[in-house]
Amino acid sequence: MPIIVNLDVMMAKRKMSLNELSEKVDLTLSNLSILKTGKAKAVRFSTLEAICKALDCQPADILEYKKE
């Protein structure tokens, strides 16, 4: 898939655990893990907004497009 999810990179830069982010964005650990591993087929804008707010970043810091 040409969309790369860099959520783990941003979490590491902010020194935030998956548990902590899960609590801040009110998302289950399993759903957040699916997104983090790049296995998600879609993401709601409200979820993306909450993640960006919690990590103090932009959507482009989390999602990246690469040509195949």
Protein backbone atom coordinates (compact mmCIF):
# COMPACT_ATOMS: atom_id res chain seq x y z
CA MET A 1 0.00 0.00 0.00
CA PRO A 2 1.47 3.37 -0.95
CA ILE A 3 0.21 5.10 2.22
CA ILE A 4 2.75 4.74 5.04
CA VAL A 5 1.67 5.29 8.65
CA ASN A 6 4.42 6.85 10.76
CA LEU A 7 2.48 6.86 14.01
CA ASP A 8 5.16 4.89 15.84
CA VAL A 9 7.79 7.45 14.77
CA MET A 10 5.76 10.37 16.14
CA MET A 11 5.01 8.46 19.35
CA ALA A 12 8.73 7.84 19.83
CA LYS A 13 9.57 11.50 19.18
CA ARG A 14 6.99 12.54 21.81
CA LYS A 15 8.03 9.71 24.16
CA MET A 16 4.42 8.54 24.37
CA SER A 17 3.35 4.94 24.86
CA LEU A 18 0.49 3.26 23.03
CA ASN A 19 -1.44 3.07 26.31
CA GLU A 20 -1.02 6.79 26.98
CA LEU A 21 -2.06 7.75 23.44
CA SER A 22 -5.02 5.39 23.64
CA GLU A 23 -6.27 7.16 26.76
CA LYS A 24 -5.74 10.63 25.29
CA VAL A 25 -7.59 9.94 22.03
CA ASP A 26 -10.23 7.65 23.56
CA LEU A 27 -9.48 4.79 21.17
CA THR A 28 -9.06 1.13 22.06
CA LEU A 29 -5.55 -0.30 22.14
CA SER A 30 -6.43 -2.80 19.42
CA ASN A 31 -7.76 -0.13 17.03
CA LEU A 32 -4.78 2.12 17.68
CA SER A 33 -2.43 -0.82 17.16
CA ILE A 34 -4.08 -1.62 13.80
CA LEU A 35 -3.49 1.98 12.73
CA LYS A 36 0.08 2.00 14.07
CA THR A 37 1.04 -1.15 12.16
CA GLY A 38 -0.40 0.20 8.91
CA LYS A 39 -3.10 -2.47 8.68
CA ALA A 40 -5.99 0.03 8.83
CA LYS A 41 -8.01 0.45 5.65
CA ALA A 42 -9.35 3.87 6.68
CA VAL A 43 -9.09 6.48 9.40
CA ARG A 44 -11.74 8.96 10.47
CA PHE A 45 -10.80 12.62 10.35
CA SER A 46 -11.96 12.95 13.95
CA THR A 47 -9.52 10.20 14.97
CA LEU A 48 -6.71 11.79 12.98
CA GLU A 49 -7.50 15.15 14.56
CA ALA A 50 -7.41 13.66 18.08
CA ILE A 51 -4.08 11.94 17.39
CA CYS A 52 -2.56 15.14 15.98
CA LYS A 53 -3.78 17.09 19.00
CA ALA A 54 -2.37 14.52 21.45
CA LEU A 55 0.99 14.32 19.66
CA ASP A 56 1.13 18.02 18.77
CA CYS A 57 1.79 17.29 15.11
CA GLN A 58 0.33 17.62 11.62
CA PRO A 59 -1.42 14.85 9.62
CA ALA A 60 1.56 14.78 7.25
CA ASP A 61 3.77 13.82 10.21
CA ILE A 62 1.71 10.64 10.57
CA LEU A 63 0.65 9.78 7.01
CA GLU A 64 3.00 9.60 4.04
CA TYR A 65 2.40 8.73 0.38
CA LYS A 66 5.01 6.74 -1.56
CA LYS A 67 4.71 5.66 -5.15
CA GLU A 68 4.87 1.92 -5.70
